[in-house]
Amino acid sequence: MPRPPRSRYAYLLEGQRENPSYLTTVDLNDVGNSTVVDRFTTTAGQSLPGREPEGMAIWRSPGAPRLAFGFH
């Protein structure tokens, strides 16, 4: 049975309570030498009190998959 394709990227949601939150893309293809490809500030959930990043998931919506993330 053929092996499934390996994922090339890891997506990270990071930040601390009441501070900026970041979405970071890491390229995992180079063994032992991962590289940050992109990192940007997200303002999603800015109206939430506390606004602490909690998690991410792939949302399989009609059309194309979407990256979904949540805050506490």
C-alpha atoms as a PDB file:
ATOM      1  CA  MET A   1       0.000   0.000   0.000  1.00  0.00           C
ATOM      2  CA  PRO A   2       1.475   3.417  -0.933  1.00  0.00           C
ATOM      3  CA  ARG A   3       2.318   5.848   1.843  1.00  0.00           C
ATOM      4  CA  PRO A   4       0.175   8.988   2.134  1.00  0.00           C
ATOM      5  CA  PRO A   5       1.884  12.221   1.073  1.00  0.00           C
ATOM      6  CA  ARG A   6       3.831  13.957   3.810  1.00  0.00           C
ATOM      7  CA  SER A   7       2.685  17.329   4.995  1.00  0.00           C
ATOM      8  CA  ARG A   8       5.127  20.064   4.134  1.00  0.00           C
ATOM      9  CA  TYR A   9       3.959  22.811   6.475  1.00  0.00           C
ATOM     10  CA  ALA A  10       2.977  23.218  10.124  1.00  0.00           C
ATOM     11  CA  TYR A  11       0.695  26.080  11.109  1.00  0.00           C
ATOM     12  CA  LEU A  12       1.000  27.557  14.590  1.00  0.00           C
ATOM     13  CA  LEU A  13      -1.302  29.888  16.509  1.00  0.00           C
ATOM     14  CA  GLU A  14       0.652  31.610  19.238  1.00  0.00           C
ATOM     15  CA  GLY A  15       0.358  34.489  21.657  1.00  0.00           C
ATOM     16  CA  GLN A  16      -0.446  35.409  25.229  1.00  0.00           C
ATOM     17  CA  ARG A  17      -3.542  36.751  26.898  1.00  0.00           C
ATOM     18  CA  GLU A  18      -4.307  40.369  25.956  1.00  0.00           C
ATOM     19  CA  ASN A  19      -1.229  40.566  23.701  1.00  0.00           C
ATOM     20  CA  PRO A  20      -0.931  40.225  19.928  1.00  0.00           C
ATOM     21  CA  SER A  21      -1.611  36.769  18.459  1.00  0.00           C
ATOM     22  CA  TYR A  22       0.364  35.378  15.533  1.00  0.00           C
ATOM     23  CA  LEU A  23      -0.163  32.829  12.780  1.00  0.00           C
ATOM     24  CA  THR A  24       3.127  31.199  11.841  1.00  0.00           C
ATOM     25  CA  THR A  25       3.895  28.866   8.914  1.00  0.00           C
ATOM     26  CA  VAL A  26       6.867  26.493   9.316  1.00  0.00           C
ATOM     27  CA  ASP A  27       8.372  24.517   6.400  1.00  0.00           C
ATOM     28  CA  LEU A  28       9.147  20.981   7.647  1.00  0.00           C
ATOM     29  CA  ASN A  29      10.745  19.578   4.495  1.00  0.00           C
ATOM     30  CA  ASP A  30      14.395  19.983   5.498  1.00  0.00           C
ATOM     31  CA  VAL A  31      15.094  17.256   8.089  1.00  0.00           C
ATOM     32  CA  GLY A  32      16.514  18.748  11.279  1.00  0.00           C
ATOM     33  CA  ASN A  33      16.361  22.290   9.897  1.00  0.00           C
ATOM     34  CA  SER A  34      12.776  23.582   9.857  1.00  0.00           C
ATOM     35  CA  THR A  35      12.308  27.128   8.568  1.00  0.00           C
ATOM     36  CA  VAL A  36       9.739  29.788   9.461  1.00  0.00           C
ATOM     37  CA  VAL A  37       8.211  30.772   6.113  1.00  0.00           C
ATOM     38  CA  ASP A  38       5.717  33.392   7.258  1.00  0.00           C
ATOM     39  CA  ARG A  39       4.552  34.997  10.504  1.00  0.00           C
ATOM     40  CA  PHE A  40       1.915  37.663  10.828  1.00  0.00           C
ATOM     41  CA  THR A  41      -0.262  39.283  13.476  1.00  0.00           C
ATOM     42  CA  THR A  42      -3.938  38.355  13.476  1.00  0.00           C
ATOM     43  CA  THR A  43      -6.659  40.628  14.766  1.00  0.00           C
ATOM     44  CA  ALA A  44      -9.304  37.874  14.768  1.00  0.00           C
ATOM     45  CA  GLY A  45     -11.352  37.839  17.950  1.00  0.00           C
ATOM     46  CA  GLN A  46     -10.021  41.232  18.966  1.00  0.00           C
ATOM     47  CA  SER A  47     -13.322  42.138  20.652  1.00  0.00           C
ATOM     48  CA  LEU A  48     -13.106  39.149  23.037  1.00  0.00           C
ATOM     49  CA  PRO A  49     -12.132  39.897  26.644  1.00  0.00           C
ATOM     50  CA  GLY A  50      -8.876  38.149  27.448  1.00  0.00           C
ATOM     51  CA  ARG A  51      -8.383  36.896  23.848  1.00  0.00           C
ATOM     52  CA  GLU A  52      -5.994  34.001  24.436  1.00  0.00           C
ATOM     53  CA  PRO A  53      -5.235  31.671  21.466  1.00  0.00           C
ATOM     54  CA  GLU A  54      -6.538  28.141  22.120  1.00  0.00           C
ATOM     55  CA  GLY A  55      -6.340  25.985  18.993  1.00  0.00           C
ATOM     56  CA  MET A  56      -6.596  25.415  15.246  1.00  0.00           C
ATOM     57  CA  ALA A  57      -8.308  22.960  12.919  1.00  0.00           C
ATOM     58  CA  ILE A  58      -8.994  22.300   9.244  1.00  0.00           C
ATOM     59  CA  TRP A  59     -12.610  23.126   8.408  1.00  0.00           C
ATOM     60  CA  ARG A  60     -13.793  20.992   5.508  1.00  0.00           C
ATOM     61  CA  SER A  61     -16.371  23.395   4.115  1.00  0.00           C
ATOM     62  CA  PRO A  62     -18.045  23.159   0.702  1.00  0.00           C
ATOM     63  CA  GLY A  63     -15.530  24.355  -1.842  1.00  0.00           C
ATOM     64  CA  ALA A  64     -11.995  24.598  -0.446  1.00  0.00           C
ATOM     65  CA  PRO A  65     -10.776  23.603   3.038  1.00  0.00           C
ATOM     66  CA  ARG A  66     -10.296  26.493   5.437  1.00  0.00           C
ATOM     67  CA  LEU A  67      -8.015  27.038   8.397  1.00  0.00           C
ATOM     68  CA  ALA A  68     -10.101  27.734  11.520  1.00  0.00           C
ATOM     69  CA  PHE A  69      -8.787  28.897  14.869  1.00  0.00           C
ATOM     70  CA  GLY A  70     -10.272  29.685  18.264  1.00  0.00           C
ATOM     71  CA  PHE A  71      -9.694  31.984  21.174  1.00  0.00           C
ATOM     72  CA  HIS A  72     -10.676  31.808  24.839  1.00  0.00           C
END
